[in-house]
Amino acid sequence: MTLPFMPIAVRPWQEVEEEVGKIPYLDPGIFEAVVALNVLAISTLSSCEGHLNSRLSAPFVIIGVSDRLTTERDFEVRNKITHARNLFSQGQEQEAQRILSETEQTWDMLLSSHFHACQPLQFALTLFYQRASHHTDYDAQLTLLPSRWSFTGVGLLEPRGAIHQKQRPEQEREQCLYRYQQEMHNFTAFLKTFIEDAP
């Protein structure tokens, strides 16, 4: 039975694996997650396995839309919104308001596109935690957030506690990083079940 937003394998694993293998600087610890998401038609823009000695001390995947036109419009609208914010801070409120009014309809359309792009992944996360055979602390649970990276992505897949990594002492940060990486591996294995069960 296929539910409305259930991820469905739309491309062969090997084909996507070869394509993803050509991405420069893709961390080996996040490679299979990126392949699995793309096999399930969940477009990815950027990722990291998480590194202890960097500000990215948690694994993440930035989710995108596969439609190039939507991506270009998204980039254009985000640029206009940033420009309007700058105008506001410079006291040019009328011009800023004019720009925001012009972009409002396009932004609403893009948000709808973002919502639909993230639904299969949100559904997969829900099923993963409903069916989980392992215990996961709330802090390590994966969540899908609006992307906080400027000009990129429609969603950010990362552990709930990732945002606090910077403030943690090094030993605690290292322990959390390990748990976060394990959770991403567990979710990847779960995604593979959708792919293996595909007709």
C-alpha atoms as a PDB file:
ATOM      1  CA  MET A   1       0.000   0.000   0.000  1.00  0.00           C
ATOM      2  CA  THR A   2       1.363   3.417  -0.961  1.00  0.00           C
ATOM      3  CA  LEU A   3       0.344   6.369   1.188  1.00  0.00           C
ATOM      4  CA  PRO A   4       0.181   9.893  -0.319  1.00  0.00           C
ATOM      5  CA  PHE A   5       3.620  11.058   0.793  1.00  0.00           C
ATOM      6  CA  MET A   6       5.406   7.740   1.206  1.00  0.00           C
ATOM      7  CA  PRO A   7       8.894   7.855  -0.333  1.00  0.00           C
ATOM      8  CA  ILE A   8       9.056   5.639  -3.391  1.00  0.00           C
ATOM      9  CA  ALA A   9      12.235   4.494  -5.102  1.00  0.00           C
ATOM     10  CA  VAL A  10      12.258   6.186  -8.478  1.00  0.00           C
ATOM     11  CA  ARG A  11      15.837   5.592  -9.592  1.00  0.00           C
ATOM     12  CA  PRO A  12      18.148   2.567  -9.358  1.00  0.00           C
ATOM     13  CA  TRP A  13      20.575   2.642  -6.413  1.00  0.00           C
ATOM     14  CA  GLN A  14      23.646   1.980  -8.583  1.00  0.00           C
ATOM     15  CA  GLU A  15      22.807   4.828 -10.985  1.00  0.00           C
ATOM     16  CA  VAL A  16      22.409   7.332  -8.147  1.00  0.00           C
ATOM     17  CA  GLU A  17      25.474   5.965  -6.338  1.00  0.00           C
ATOM     18  CA  GLU A  18      27.618   6.626  -9.430  1.00  0.00           C
ATOM     19  CA  GLU A  19      26.182  10.127  -9.797  1.00  0.00           C
ATOM     20  CA  VAL A  20      26.659  10.986  -6.106  1.00  0.00           C
ATOM     21  CA  GLY A  21      30.160   9.504  -6.214  1.00  0.00           C
ATOM     22  CA  LYS A  22      31.179  12.323  -8.563  1.00  0.00           C
ATOM     23  CA  ILE A  23      30.307  15.027  -6.005  1.00  0.00           C
ATOM     24  CA  PRO A  24      33.567  16.563  -4.771  1.00  0.00           C
ATOM     25  CA  TYR A  25      34.259  16.593  -1.029  1.00  0.00           C
ATOM     26  CA  LEU A  26      31.293  14.383  -0.110  1.00  0.00           C
ATOM     27  CA  ASP A  27      32.042  12.862   3.296  1.00  0.00           C
ATOM     28  CA  PRO A  28      32.059   9.044   3.315  1.00  0.00           C
ATOM     29  CA  GLY A  29      30.012   8.998   6.547  1.00  0.00           C
ATOM     30  CA  ILE A  30      27.025  10.696   4.858  1.00  0.00           C
ATOM     31  CA  PHE A  31      27.423   9.178   1.375  1.00  0.00           C
ATOM     32  CA  GLU A  32      24.800   6.422   1.716  1.00  0.00           C
ATOM     33  CA  ALA A  33      22.265   8.814   3.263  1.00  0.00           C
ATOM     34  CA  VAL A  34      22.630  11.152   0.269  1.00  0.00           C
ATOM     35  CA  VAL A  35      22.282   8.240  -2.169  1.00  0.00           C
ATOM     36  CA  ALA A  36      19.208   6.850  -0.370  1.00  0.00           C
ATOM     37  CA  LEU A  37      17.462  10.229  -0.295  1.00  0.00           C
ATOM     38  CA  ASN A  38      18.081  10.844  -3.993  1.00  0.00           C
ATOM     39  CA  VAL A  39      16.947   7.324  -4.943  1.00  0.00           C
ATOM     40  CA  LEU A  40      13.691   8.196  -3.155  1.00  0.00           C
ATOM     41  CA  ALA A  41      13.394  11.428  -5.207  1.00  0.00           C
ATOM     42  CA  ILE A  42      14.324  13.600  -2.221  1.00  0.00           C
ATOM     43  CA  SER A  43      16.730  16.068  -3.774  1.00  0.00           C
ATOM     44  CA  THR A  44      19.821  17.031  -1.777  1.00  0.00           C
ATOM     45  CA  LEU A  45      21.972  20.145  -2.130  1.00  0.00           C
ATOM     46  CA  SER A  46      24.668  19.783   0.498  1.00  0.00           C
ATOM     47  CA  SER A  47      25.676  17.489   3.331  1.00  0.00           C
ATOM     48  CA  CYS A  48      28.261  16.757   6.001  1.00  0.00           C
ATOM     49  CA  GLU A  49      29.004  13.736   8.190  1.00  0.00           C
ATOM     50  CA  GLY A  50      29.914  16.059  11.066  1.00  0.00           C
ATOM     51  CA  HIS A  51      33.439  16.874  12.234  1.00  0.00           C
ATOM     52  CA  LEU A  52      34.583  17.400  15.795  1.00  0.00           C
ATOM     53  CA  ASN A  53      37.017  20.234  15.099  1.00  0.00           C
ATOM     54  CA  SER A  54      34.662  22.377  13.051  1.00  0.00           C
ATOM     55  CA  ARG A  55      31.482  24.330  13.608  1.00  0.00           C
ATOM     56  CA  LEU A  56      29.654  21.489  11.827  1.00  0.00           C
ATOM     57  CA  SER A  57      30.014  18.946  14.609  1.00  0.00           C
ATOM     58  CA  ALA A  58      26.824  17.092  13.638  1.00  0.00           C
ATOM     59  CA  PRO A  59      25.751  15.341  10.445  1.00  0.00           C
ATOM     60  CA  PHE A  60      23.285  17.176   8.212  1.00  0.00           C
ATOM     61  CA  VAL A  61      21.711  17.099   4.768  1.00  0.00           C
ATOM     62  CA  ILE A  62      20.246  20.167   3.077  1.00  0.00           C
ATOM     63  CA  ILE A  63      17.149  19.236   1.088  1.00  0.00           C
ATOM     64  CA  GLY A  64      16.396  20.993  -2.179  1.00  0.00           C
ATOM     65  CA  VAL A  65      13.886  20.891  -4.977  1.00  0.00           C
ATOM     66  CA  SER A  66      14.705  19.030  -8.163  1.00  0.00           C
ATOM     67  CA  ASP A  67      13.048  21.656 -10.373  1.00  0.00           C
ATOM     68  CA  ARG A  68      15.731  24.080 -11.646  1.00  0.00           C
ATOM     69  CA  LEU A  69      13.234  26.897 -12.325  1.00  0.00           C
ATOM     70  CA  THR A  70      11.950  26.710  -8.741  1.00  0.00           C
ATOM     71  CA  THR A  71      15.529  26.748  -7.458  1.00  0.00           C
ATOM     72  CA  GLU A  72      16.354  29.833  -9.547  1.00  0.00           C
ATOM     73  CA  ARG A  73      13.183  31.637  -8.398  1.00  0.00           C
ATOM     74  CA  ASP A  74      13.956  30.699  -4.814  1.00  0.00           C
ATOM     75  CA  PHE A  75      17.439  32.187  -5.087  1.00  0.00           C
ATOM     76  CA  GLU A  76      16.069  35.349  -6.727  1.00  0.00           C
ATOM     77  CA  VAL A  77      13.350  35.861  -4.082  1.00  0.00           C
ATOM     78  CA  ARG A  78      15.769  35.262  -1.191  1.00  0.00           C
ATOM     79  CA  ASN A  79      18.123  37.856  -2.709  1.00  0.00           C
ATOM     80  CA  LYS A  80      15.269  40.366  -2.934  1.00  0.00           C
ATOM     81  CA  ILE A  81      14.227  39.713   0.668  1.00  0.00           C
ATOM     82  CA  THR A  82      17.815  40.227   1.840  1.00  0.00           C
ATOM     83  CA  HIS A  83      17.988  43.452  -0.187  1.00  0.00           C
ATOM     84  CA  ALA A  84      14.698  44.628   1.383  1.00  0.00           C
ATOM     85  CA  ARG A  85      16.043  43.893   4.895  1.00  0.00           C
ATOM     86  CA  ASN A  86      19.129  45.963   4.113  1.00  0.00           C
ATOM     87  CA  LEU A  87      16.945  48.832   2.881  1.00  0.00           C
ATOM     88  CA  PHE A  88      14.886  48.660   6.094  1.00  0.00           C
ATOM     89  CA  SER A  89      18.050  48.894   8.181  1.00  0.00           C
ATOM     90  CA  GLN A  90      19.109  51.936   6.117  1.00  0.00           C
ATOM     91  CA  GLY A  91      15.775  53.668   6.753  1.00  0.00           C
ATOM     92  CA  GLN A  92      14.414  53.186   3.221  1.00  0.00           C
ATOM     93  CA  GLU A  93      11.195  51.584   4.421  1.00  0.00           C
ATOM     94  CA  GLN A  94       8.968  52.490   1.427  1.00  0.00           C
ATOM     95  CA  GLU A  95      11.331  50.929  -1.105  1.00  0.00           C
ATOM     96  CA  ALA A  96      11.801  47.874   1.090  1.00  0.00           C
ATOM     97  CA  GLN A  97       8.030  47.452   1.420  1.00  0.00           C
ATOM     98  CA  ARG A  98       7.595  47.784  -2.352  1.00  0.00           C
ATOM     99  CA  ILE A  99      10.135  44.983  -2.957  1.00  0.00           C
ATOM    100  CA  LEU A 100       8.502  42.732  -0.353  1.00  0.00           C
ATOM    101  CA  SER A 101       5.053  43.308  -1.881  1.00  0.00           C
ATOM    102  CA  GLU A 102       6.375  42.382  -5.340  1.00  0.00           C
ATOM    103  CA  THR A 103       7.873  39.137  -4.088  1.00  0.00           C
ATOM    104  CA  GLU A 104       5.033  38.049  -1.780  1.00  0.00           C
ATOM    105  CA  GLN A 105       3.067  35.999  -4.329  1.00  0.00           C
ATOM    106  CA  THR A 106       6.188  34.293  -5.691  1.00  0.00           C
ATOM    107  CA  TRP A 107       7.385  33.574  -2.127  1.00  0.00           C
ATOM    108  CA  ASP A 108       4.021  31.968  -1.247  1.00  0.00           C
ATOM    109  CA  MET A 109       4.269  29.760  -4.338  1.00  0.00           C
ATOM    110  CA  LEU A 110       7.839  28.779  -3.407  1.00  0.00           C
ATOM    111  CA  LEU A 111       6.862  27.973   0.196  1.00  0.00           C
ATOM    112  CA  SER A 112       4.190  25.656  -1.163  1.00  0.00           C
ATOM    113  CA  SER A 113       6.841  24.003  -3.340  1.00  0.00           C
ATOM    114  CA  HIS A 114       9.158  23.699  -0.318  1.00  0.00           C
ATOM    115  CA  PHE A 115       6.373  22.111   1.725  1.00  0.00           C
ATOM    116  CA  HIS A 116       5.677  19.505  -0.967  1.00  0.00           C
ATOM    117  CA  ALA A 117       9.395  18.806  -1.479  1.00  0.00           C
ATOM    118  CA  CYS A 118       9.815  18.009   2.226  1.00  0.00           C
ATOM    119  CA  GLN A 119       6.683  15.898   2.765  1.00  0.00           C
ATOM    120  CA  PRO A 120       8.140  12.518   1.715  1.00  0.00           C
ATOM    121  CA  LEU A 121      11.095  13.013   4.050  1.00  0.00           C
ATOM    122  CA  GLN A 122       8.847  14.161   6.907  1.00  0.00           C
ATOM    123  CA  PHE A 123       6.709  11.072   6.371  1.00  0.00           C
ATOM    124  CA  ALA A 124       9.790   8.814   6.368  1.00  0.00           C
ATOM    125  CA  LEU A 125      11.024  10.399   9.620  1.00  0.00           C
ATOM    126  CA  THR A 126       7.631   9.869  11.241  1.00  0.00           C
ATOM    127  CA  LEU A 127       7.583   6.191  10.245  1.00  0.00           C
ATOM    128  CA  PHE A 128      11.192   5.750  11.338  1.00  0.00           C
ATOM    129  CA  TYR A 129      10.452   6.905  14.873  1.00  0.00           C
ATOM    130  CA  GLN A 130       7.117   5.071  15.061  1.00  0.00           C
ATOM    131  CA  ARG A 131       8.800   1.808  14.102  1.00  0.00           C
ATOM    132  CA  ALA A 132      12.159   2.361  15.806  1.00  0.00           C
ATOM    133  CA  SER A 133      13.557  -0.758  17.418  1.00  0.00           C
ATOM    134  CA  HIS A 134      16.237   1.268  19.191  1.00  0.00           C
ATOM    135  CA  HIS A 135      16.045   3.918  21.900  1.00  0.00           C
ATOM    136  CA  THR A 136      17.149   7.389  20.872  1.00  0.00           C
ATOM    137  CA  ASP A 137      17.503  10.356  23.176  1.00  0.00           C
ATOM    138  CA  TYR A 138      15.416  13.335  22.084  1.00  0.00           C
ATOM    139  CA  ASP A 139      18.636  15.277  21.508  1.00  0.00           C
ATOM    140  CA  ALA A 140      19.834  12.772  18.882  1.00  0.00           C
ATOM    141  CA  GLN A 141      16.536  12.386  17.029  1.00  0.00           C
ATOM    142  CA  LEU A 142      16.647  13.625  13.465  1.00  0.00           C
ATOM    143  CA  THR A 143      14.355  16.455  12.529  1.00  0.00           C
ATOM    144  CA  LEU A 144      13.519  18.397   9.390  1.00  0.00           C
ATOM    145  CA  LEU A 145      13.753  22.156   9.826  1.00  0.00           C
ATOM    146  CA  PRO A 146      13.530  25.066   7.418  1.00  0.00           C
ATOM    147  CA  SER A 147      17.049  25.544   6.118  1.00  0.00           C
ATOM    148  CA  ARG A 148      18.926  28.163   8.132  1.00  0.00           C
ATOM    149  CA  TRP A 149      21.657  28.374   5.492  1.00  0.00           C
ATOM    150  CA  SER A 150      21.148  31.514   3.472  1.00  0.00           C
ATOM    151  CA  PHE A 151      20.139  31.045  -0.163  1.00  0.00           C
ATOM    152  CA  THR A 152      20.203  27.269  -0.097  1.00  0.00           C
ATOM    153  CA  GLY A 153      17.726  24.540   0.460  1.00  0.00           C
ATOM    154  CA  VAL A 154      14.162  24.112   1.529  1.00  0.00           C
ATOM    155  CA  GLY A 155      14.849  21.932   4.536  1.00  0.00           C
ATOM    156  CA  LEU A 156      17.621  20.868   6.854  1.00  0.00           C
ATOM    157  CA  LEU A 157      17.818  17.279   8.110  1.00  0.00           C
ATOM    158  CA  GLU A 158      19.865  17.188  11.304  1.00  0.00           C
ATOM    159  CA  PRO A 159      19.757  15.971  14.917  1.00  0.00           C
ATOM    160  CA  ARG A 160      17.667  18.101  17.277  1.00  0.00           C
ATOM    161  CA  GLY A 161      20.678  18.877  19.461  1.00  0.00           C
ATOM    162  CA  ALA A 162      22.994  19.917  16.621  1.00  0.00           C
ATOM    163  CA  ILE A 163      22.382  23.584  17.253  1.00  0.00           C
ATOM    164  CA  HIS A 164      23.891  23.239  20.764  1.00  0.00           C
ATOM    165  CA  GLN A 165      27.107  21.506  19.724  1.00  0.00           C
ATOM    166  CA  LYS A 166      29.123  24.720  19.610  1.00  0.00           C
ATOM    167  CA  GLN A 167      28.442  25.442  23.301  1.00  0.00           C
ATOM    168  CA  ARG A 168      29.324  21.967  24.595  1.00  0.00           C
ATOM    169  CA  PRO A 169      32.690  21.013  26.125  1.00  0.00           C
ATOM    170  CA  GLU A 170      34.830  19.033  23.685  1.00  0.00           C
ATOM    171  CA  GLN A 171      34.351  15.625  25.332  1.00  0.00           C
ATOM    172  CA  GLU A 172      30.566  16.022  25.411  1.00  0.00           C
ATOM    173  CA  ARG A 173      30.582  17.335  21.843  1.00  0.00           C
ATOM    174  CA  GLU A 174      32.516  14.245  20.744  1.00  0.00           C
ATOM    175  CA  GLN A 175      30.058  11.891  22.473  1.00  0.00           C
ATOM    176  CA  CYS A 176      27.093  13.698  20.916  1.00  0.00           C
ATOM    177  CA  LEU A 177      28.694  13.658  17.470  1.00  0.00           C
ATOM    178  CA  TYR A 178      29.070   9.881  17.703  1.00  0.00           C
ATOM    179  CA  ARG A 179      25.410   9.451  18.740  1.00  0.00           C
ATOM    180  CA  TYR A 180      24.259  11.808  15.995  1.00  0.00           C
ATOM    181  CA  GLN A 181      26.234   9.926  13.356  1.00  0.00           C
ATOM    182  CA  GLN A 182      24.790   6.619  14.588  1.00  0.00           C
ATOM    183  CA  GLU A 183      21.274   8.008  14.290  1.00  0.00           C
ATOM    184  CA  MET A 184      21.896   9.181  10.722  1.00  0.00           C
ATOM    185  CA  HIS A 185      23.201   5.671   9.894  1.00  0.00           C
ATOM    186  CA  ASN A 186      20.096   4.111  11.492  1.00  0.00           C
ATOM    187  CA  PHE A 187      17.822   6.373   9.433  1.00  0.00           C
ATOM    188  CA  THR A 188      19.758   5.557   6.255  1.00  0.00           C
ATOM    189  CA  ALA A 189      19.292   1.829   6.911  1.00  0.00           C
ATOM    190  CA  PHE A 190      15.582   2.492   7.389  1.00  0.00           C
ATOM    191  CA  LEU A 191      15.382   4.407   4.082  1.00  0.00           C
ATOM    192  CA  LYS A 192      17.008   1.457   2.353  1.00  0.00           C
ATOM    193  CA  THR A 193      14.026  -0.689   3.354  1.00  0.00           C
ATOM    194  CA  PHE A 194      11.815   1.508   1.132  1.00  0.00           C
ATOM    195  CA  ILE A 195      14.251   0.960  -1.712  1.00  0.00           C
ATOM    196  CA  GLU A 196      14.565  -2.805  -1.208  1.00  0.00           C
ATOM    197  CA  ASP A 197      10.772  -3.195  -0.976  1.00  0.00           C
ATOM    198  CA  ALA A 198      10.188  -1.204  -4.169  1.00  0.00           C
ATOM    199  CA  PRO A 199       8.590  -3.138  -7.041  1.00  0.00           C
END
